[in-house]
Structure formats: C-alpha cells, structure tokens
C-alpha atoms as a PDB file:
ATOM      1  CA  UNK A   1      -7.151  21.007 -19.930  1.00  0.00           C
ATOM      2  CA  UNK A   2      -8.697  18.140 -17.970  1.00  0.00           C
ATOM      3  CA  UNK A   3      -5.735  15.827 -18.669  1.00  0.00           C
ATOM      4  CA  UNK A   4      -3.254  18.479 -17.523  1.00  0.00           C
ATOM      5  CA  UNK A   5      -5.328  19.056 -14.389  1.00  0.00           C
ATOM      6  CA  UNK A   6      -5.288  15.309 -13.659  1.00  0.00           C
ATOM      7  CA  UNK A   7      -1.502  15.317 -14.147  1.00  0.00           C
ATOM      8  CA  UNK A   8      -1.218  18.058 -11.539  1.00  0.00           C
ATOM      9  CA  UNK A   9      -3.473  16.136  -9.150  1.00  0.00           C
ATOM     10  CA  UNK A  10      -1.462  12.941  -9.638  1.00  0.00           C
ATOM     11  CA  UNK A  11       1.775  14.864  -9.057  1.00  0.00           C
ATOM     12  CA  UNK A  12       0.369  16.241  -5.826  1.00  0.00           C
ATOM     13  CA  UNK A  13      -0.716  12.807  -4.609  1.00  0.00           C
ATOM     14  CA  UNK A  14       2.692  11.411  -5.619  1.00  0.00           C
ATOM     15  CA  UNK A  15       4.419  14.073  -3.529  1.00  0.00           C
ATOM     16  CA  UNK A  16       2.217  13.758  -0.455  1.00  0.00           C
ATOM     17  CA  UNK A  17       1.341  10.049  -0.225  1.00  0.00           C
ATOM     18  CA  UNK A  18       4.722   8.924   1.055  1.00  0.00           C
ATOM     19  CA  UNK A  19       6.163  11.022   3.833  1.00  0.00           C
ATOM     20  CA  UNK A  20       9.748  10.912   5.036  1.00  0.00           C
ATOM     21  CA  UNK A  21       8.768   8.833   8.069  1.00  0.00           C
ATOM     22  CA  UNK A  22       6.991   6.245   5.904  1.00  0.00           C
ATOM     23  CA  UNK A  23      10.196   5.111   4.243  1.00  0.00           C
ATOM     24  CA  UNK A  24      12.911   6.133   6.675  1.00  0.00           C
ATOM     25  CA  UNK A  25      15.922   3.863   7.207  1.00  0.00           C
ATOM     26  CA  UNK A  26      15.460   1.961   3.966  1.00  0.00           C
ATOM     27  CA  UNK A  27      19.168   1.605   3.324  1.00  0.00           C
ATOM     28  CA  UNK A  28      19.943   4.590   1.102  1.00  0.00           C
ATOM     29  CA  UNK A  29      19.178   8.224   0.521  1.00  0.00           C
ATOM     30  CA  UNK A  30      17.078   9.270  -2.438  1.00  0.00           C
ATOM     31  CA  UNK A  31      14.319   6.704  -1.957  1.00  0.00           C
ATOM     32  CA  UNK A  32      11.573   9.328  -1.625  1.00  0.00           C
ATOM     33  CA  UNK A  33      12.686  11.156  -4.747  1.00  0.00           C
ATOM     34  CA  UNK A  34      12.624   7.983  -6.848  1.00  0.00           C
ATOM     35  CA  UNK A  35       9.255   6.898  -5.455  1.00  0.00           C
ATOM     36  CA  UNK A  36       7.606  10.266  -5.987  1.00  0.00           C
ATOM     37  CA  UNK A  37       8.930  10.615  -9.535  1.00  0.00           C
ATOM     38  CA  UNK A  38       7.720   7.111 -10.373  1.00  0.00           C
ATOM     39  CA  UNK A  39       4.217   7.760  -9.036  1.00  0.00           C
ATOM     40  CA  UNK A  40       3.908  11.074 -10.868  1.00  0.00           C
ATOM     41  CA  UNK A  41       3.803   9.256 -14.204  1.00  0.00           C
ATOM     42  CA  UNK A  42       2.575   5.789 -13.276  1.00  0.00           C
ATOM     43  CA  UNK A  43      -0.560   5.000 -15.314  1.00  0.00           C
ATOM     44  CA  UNK A  44      -3.296   4.413 -12.774  1.00  0.00           C
ATOM     45  CA  UNK A  45      -5.644   2.883 -15.310  1.00  0.00           C
ATOM     46  CA  UNK A  46      -3.495  -0.262 -15.525  1.00  0.00           C
ATOM     47  CA  UNK A  47      -4.550  -1.171 -11.967  1.00  0.00           C
ATOM     48  CA  UNK A  48      -8.260  -1.164 -12.752  1.00  0.00           C
ATOM     49  CA  UNK A  49      -8.648  -4.867 -13.354  1.00  0.00           C
ATOM     50  CA  UNK A  50     -11.777  -7.010 -13.461  1.00  0.00           C
ATOM     51  CA  UNK A  51     -10.471  -9.527 -10.915  1.00  0.00           C
ATOM     52  CA  UNK A  52      -8.261  -9.480  -7.865  1.00  0.00           C
ATOM     53  CA  UNK A  53      -5.956 -12.000  -9.533  1.00  0.00           C
ATOM     54  CA  UNK A  54      -5.377  -9.665 -12.482  1.00  0.00           C
ATOM     55  CA  UNK A  55      -4.937  -6.710 -10.134  1.00  0.00           C
ATOM     56  CA  UNK A  56      -2.282  -8.631  -8.194  1.00  0.00           C
ATOM     57  CA  UNK A  57      -0.381  -9.401 -11.410  1.00  0.00           C
ATOM     58  CA  UNK A  58      -0.184  -5.673 -12.153  1.00  0.00           C
ATOM     59  CA  UNK A  59       0.616  -4.803  -8.524  1.00  0.00           C
ATOM     60  CA  UNK A  60       3.394  -7.398  -8.401  1.00  0.00           C
ATOM     61  CA  UNK A  61       4.851  -6.198 -11.720  1.00  0.00           C
ATOM     62  CA  UNK A  62       4.845  -2.574 -10.582  1.00  0.00           C
ATOM     63  CA  UNK A  63       6.331  -3.532  -7.224  1.00  0.00           C
ATOM     64  CA  UNK A  64       9.221  -5.202  -9.008  1.00  0.00           C
ATOM     65  CA  UNK A  65       9.690  -2.275 -11.426  1.00  0.00           C
ATOM     66  CA  UNK A  66       9.817   0.214  -8.575  1.00  0.00           C
ATOM     67  CA  UNK A  67      12.090  -2.033  -6.494  1.00  0.00           C
ATOM     68  CA  UNK A  68      14.657  -2.108  -9.326  1.00  0.00           C
ATOM     69  CA  UNK A  69      14.544   1.698  -9.639  1.00  0.00           C
ATOM     70  CA  UNK A  70      15.361   2.296  -5.977  1.00  0.00           C
ATOM     71  CA  UNK A  71      18.944   3.072  -4.978  1.00  0.00           C
ATOM     72  CA  UNK A  72      20.915  -0.179  -4.935  1.00  0.00           C
ATOM     73  CA  UNK A  73      21.142  -0.615  -1.162  1.00  0.00           C
ATOM     74  CA  UNK A  74      17.404   0.124  -0.801  1.00  0.00           C
ATOM     75  CA  UNK A  75      16.083  -2.292  -3.436  1.00  0.00           C
ATOM     76  CA  UNK A  76      13.787  -4.093  -1.037  1.00  0.00           C
ATOM     77  CA  UNK A  77      10.492  -5.658  -2.071  1.00  0.00           C
ATOM     78  CA  UNK A  78       8.748  -4.440   1.097  1.00  0.00           C
ATOM     79  CA  UNK A  79       9.847  -0.843   0.544  1.00  0.00           C
ATOM     80  CA  UNK A  80       8.488  -0.793  -2.993  1.00  0.00           C
ATOM     81  CA  UNK A  81       5.224  -2.520  -2.032  1.00  0.00           C
ATOM     82  CA  UNK A  82       4.512  -0.228   0.911  1.00  0.00           C
ATOM     83  CA  UNK A  83       5.112   2.836  -1.249  1.00  0.00           C
ATOM     84  CA  UNK A  84       2.803   1.612  -4.015  1.00  0.00           C
ATOM     85  CA  UNK A  85       0.097   0.709  -1.508  1.00  0.00           C
ATOM     86  CA  UNK A  86       0.315   4.197   0.026  1.00  0.00           C
ATOM     87  CA  UNK A  87       0.041   5.785  -3.412  1.00  0.00           C
ATOM     88  CA  UNK A  88      -2.918   3.663  -4.511  1.00  0.00           C
ATOM     89  CA  UNK A  89      -4.729   4.336  -1.239  1.00  0.00           C
ATOM     90  CA  UNK A  90      -4.272   8.090  -1.560  1.00  0.00           C
ATOM     91  CA  UNK A  91      -5.263   7.990  -5.233  1.00  0.00           C
ATOM     92  CA  UNK A  92      -8.448   6.185  -4.166  1.00  0.00           C
ATOM     93  CA  UNK A  93      -9.050   8.871  -1.529  1.00  0.00           C
ATOM     94  CA  UNK A  94      -8.604  11.658  -4.105  1.00  0.00           C
ATOM     95  CA  UNK A  95     -11.973  12.350  -5.735  1.00  0.00           C
ATOM     96  CA  UNK A  96     -10.564  13.467  -9.068  1.00  0.00           C
ATOM     97  CA  UNK A  97      -8.242  10.517  -9.606  1.00  0.00           C
ATOM     98  CA  UNK A  98     -10.686   8.001  -8.193  1.00  0.00           C
ATOM     99  CA  UNK A  99     -13.572   9.150 -10.383  1.00  0.00           C
ATOM    100  CA  UNK A 100     -11.486   9.520 -13.541  1.00  0.00           C
ATOM    101  CA  UNK A 101      -9.881   6.078 -13.317  1.00  0.00           C
ATOM    102  CA  UNK A 102     -12.754   4.245 -11.605  1.00  0.00           C
ATOM    103  CA  UNK A 103     -10.607   3.270  -8.646  1.00  0.00           C
ATOM    104  CA  UNK A 104     -13.713   2.396  -6.647  1.00  0.00           C
ATOM    105  CA  UNK A 105     -13.868  -0.768  -8.812  1.00  0.00           C
ATOM    106  CA  UNK A 106     -10.629  -2.031  -7.226  1.00  0.00           C
ATOM    107  CA  UNK A 107     -11.117  -0.733  -3.692  1.00  0.00           C
ATOM    108  CA  UNK A 108     -11.741  -4.259  -2.407  1.00  0.00           C
ATOM    109  CA  UNK A 109      -8.471  -5.441  -3.988  1.00  0.00           C
ATOM    110  CA  UNK A 110      -6.252  -2.730  -2.503  1.00  0.00           C
ATOM    111  CA  UNK A 111      -3.866  -3.787   0.215  1.00  0.00           C
ATOM    112  CA  UNK A 112      -3.278  -2.161   3.560  1.00  0.00           C
ATOM    113  CA  UNK A 113       0.140  -0.462   3.552  1.00  0.00           C
ATOM    114  CA  UNK A 114       2.148  -2.617   5.941  1.00  0.00           C
ATOM    115  CA  UNK A 115       4.459  -1.331   8.646  1.00  0.00           C
ATOM    116  CA  UNK A 116       5.290  -2.173  12.232  1.00  0.00           C
ATOM    117  CA  UNK A 117       2.158  -0.522  13.623  1.00  0.00           C
ATOM    118  CA  UNK A 118      -0.149  -2.404  11.251  1.00  0.00           C
ATOM    119  CA  UNK A 119       1.696  -5.648  11.963  1.00  0.00           C
ATOM    120  CA  UNK A 120       1.231  -5.010  15.683  1.00  0.00           C
ATOM    121  CA  UNK A 121      -2.508  -4.621  15.219  1.00  0.00           C
ATOM    122  CA  UNK A 122      -2.662  -7.786  13.131  1.00  0.00           C
ATOM    123  CA  UNK A 123      -0.629  -9.708  15.692  1.00  0.00           C
ATOM    124  CA  UNK A 124      -3.431  -8.616  17.993  1.00  0.00           C
ATOM    125  CA  UNK A 125      -1.953  -7.987  21.413  1.00  0.00           C
ATOM    126  CA  UNK A 126      -5.451  -7.168  22.743  1.00  0.00           C
ATOM    127  CA  UNK A 127      -6.887 -10.538  21.690  1.00  0.00           C
ATOM    128  CA  UNK A 128      -9.679  -9.056  19.578  1.00  0.00           C
ATOM    129  CA  UNK A 129      -8.732 -11.024  16.461  1.00  0.00           C
ATOM    130  CA  UNK A 130      -7.958 -14.317  18.183  1.00  0.00           C
ATOM    131  CA  UNK A 131     -10.728 -16.164  16.383  1.00  0.00           C
ATOM    132  CA  UNK A 132      -9.463 -15.254  12.907  1.00  0.00           C
ATOM    133  CA  UNK A 133      -7.426 -17.757  10.953  1.00  0.00           C
ATOM    134  CA  UNK A 134      -3.833 -16.741  10.525  1.00  0.00           C
ATOM    135  CA  UNK A 135      -2.845 -16.236  14.123  1.00  0.00           C
ATOM    136  CA  UNK A 136       0.503 -17.711  13.158  1.00  0.00           C
ATOM    137  CA  UNK A 137       1.751 -14.587  11.423  1.00  0.00           C
ATOM    138  CA  UNK A 138       5.507 -14.360  11.127  1.00  0.00           C
ATOM    139  CA  UNK A 139       7.269 -12.115  13.616  1.00  0.00           C
ATOM    140  CA  UNK A 140       7.480  -8.598  12.190  1.00  0.00           C
ATOM    141  CA  UNK A 141      11.050  -7.530  11.463  1.00  0.00           C
ATOM    142  CA  UNK A 142      10.935  -4.475   9.200  1.00  0.00           C
ATOM    143  CA  UNK A 143       9.516  -3.206   5.960  1.00  0.00           C
ATOM    144  CA  UNK A 144      12.990  -3.653   4.425  1.00  0.00           C
ATOM    145  CA  UNK A 145      13.004  -7.368   5.143  1.00  0.00           C
ATOM    146  CA  UNK A 146       9.346  -8.026   4.250  1.00  0.00           C
ATOM    147  CA  UNK A 147       8.957 -10.727   1.611  1.00  0.00           C
ATOM    148  CA  UNK A 148       6.073 -11.241  -0.772  1.00  0.00           C
ATOM    149  CA  UNK A 149       5.024 -14.430   1.014  1.00  0.00           C
ATOM    150  CA  UNK A 150       5.047 -12.760   4.451  1.00  0.00           C
ATOM    151  CA  UNK A 151       3.100  -9.826   3.046  1.00  0.00           C
ATOM    152  CA  UNK A 152       0.474 -12.216   1.685  1.00  0.00           C
ATOM    153  CA  UNK A 153      -0.052 -13.676   5.156  1.00  0.00           C
ATOM    154  CA  UNK A 154      -0.496 -10.217   6.702  1.00  0.00           C
ATOM    155  CA  UNK A 155      -2.818  -9.124   3.878  1.00  0.00           C
ATOM    156  CA  UNK A 156      -4.970 -12.243   4.271  1.00  0.00           C
ATOM    157  CA  UNK A 157      -5.422 -11.616   7.985  1.00  0.00           C
ATOM    158  CA  UNK A 158      -6.151  -7.930   7.324  1.00  0.00           C
ATOM    159  CA  UNK A 159      -8.768  -8.991   4.772  1.00  0.00           C
ATOM    160  CA  UNK A 160     -10.537 -11.250   7.272  1.00  0.00           C
ATOM    161  CA  UNK A 161     -10.494  -8.574   9.967  1.00  0.00           C
ATOM    162  CA  UNK A 162     -11.755  -5.891   7.577  1.00  0.00           C
ATOM    163  CA  UNK A 163     -14.618  -8.122   6.456  1.00  0.00           C
ATOM    164  CA  UNK A 164     -15.665  -8.470  10.078  1.00  0.00           C
ATOM    165  CA  UNK A 165     -15.766  -4.680  10.353  1.00  0.00           C
ATOM    166  CA  UNK A 166     -17.601  -4.235   7.056  1.00  0.00           C
ATOM    167  CA  UNK A 167     -14.787  -2.250   5.393  1.00  0.00           C
ATOM    168  CA  UNK A 168     -12.043  -2.950   2.893  1.00  0.00           C
ATOM    169  CA  UNK A 169      -8.589  -3.717   4.280  1.00  0.00           C
ATOM    170  CA  UNK A 170      -7.033  -0.642   2.658  1.00  0.00           C
ATOM    171  CA  UNK A 171      -8.858   1.444   5.284  1.00  0.00           C
ATOM    172  CA  UNK A 172      -7.751  -0.445   8.408  1.00  0.00           C
ATOM    173  CA  UNK A 173      -4.709   1.648   9.235  1.00  0.00           C
ATOM    174  CA  UNK A 174      -6.803   4.784   8.981  1.00  0.00           C
ATOM    175  CA  UNK A 175      -9.331   3.277  11.392  1.00  0.00           C
ATOM    176  CA  UNK A 176      -6.628   2.126  13.823  1.00  0.00           C
ATOM    177  CA  UNK A 177      -4.660   5.375  13.639  1.00  0.00           C
ATOM    178  CA  UNK A 178      -7.741   7.545  14.193  1.00  0.00           C
ATOM    179  CA  UNK A 179      -8.903   5.371  17.094  1.00  0.00           C
ATOM    180  CA  UNK A 180      -5.618   6.088  18.865  1.00  0.00           C
ATOM    181  CA  UNK A 181      -6.001   9.858  18.525  1.00  0.00           C
END
C-alpha cells in the first residue's frame, strides 16, 4: 500500500511541478505531457548521491534523456534541465517523497530552476550581489537557448548568493518571488 501511495504522490508532483507558463514557447506542443509522464516514473532514489559530483552525473544523464524525449523542435538542454530542477525541488518540498527517498541529503546539491526572472536577480540590477564573483554572467537569452556551460555559471553565482543568505540555492526563487508579493 505504501508504494502505491508514493506512486500517487509522485504522479501528483509530476503533474503540478511544471505549469504551462514554466515551459511555454519551447518550440513545440506536447512538451508538458512528455515531461509529466517522464517524472511520474522517474526513480528519485537515483539522485540521492553521496557527493555533488555524483549527483551532477545523474542530473546530467537525466537531463539528456529527457531532452531526447521532447518533441523534436523542443529538444533543448535548458528546457529539460529547468523541468527536472522544478520536479526535484517540488519532490524535496513534498514531505512524503522527501522522507521516503532522503532528499534532504541532496538539498545542498539541487539547482535553482533557471528562467529569465532568476537570471535577472542573478544579474543583480539592484547592486546587492556586486561583490560576488561571477559578475560576468552571460546575457540571458531564453531557457530554450541555455547551454550547460551557461547554466553552470548561473548556478555558481546562485550558490554563492545562497550561502550568503544561509540557504541552499534551490530555494532562492521562492525567496525572491515571495519578496515581490
């Protein structure tokens, strides 16, 4: 019974973690359907790794798997990575999934889901992050055009900023979004 219950919980998180606005204009219809179906059966335990390096190997492999499953004109690395990061964040925030899989052990490894709003915060128009290394972030274009190397630069700056706040970077967009409300 417990396994079936966890399946239902994972299905719910898979359906709700990525909204239509999160992946709009990705180049093809059907992106949400593919993403949600993939997350419904993706084994979360594979992400629980002892080191960030091992976690990133799994994250990169799953990003590539999901990218190849997307409709042909939407097979963008940034689209797949953002979707996975949204799913992992919401799985962490779900008590049942987080406790069952021990997702708290990888909380510090989880990435912030990148988008234009997050990039804007990291580019720091208010000057609050001016003393952090990485002020030379590439100009944000779109999630569709985001490369792995550009993402790494954004994630590194997010990590430094989050450390200054005493939180993990996965939580930054929540903090920024709530502050604007």
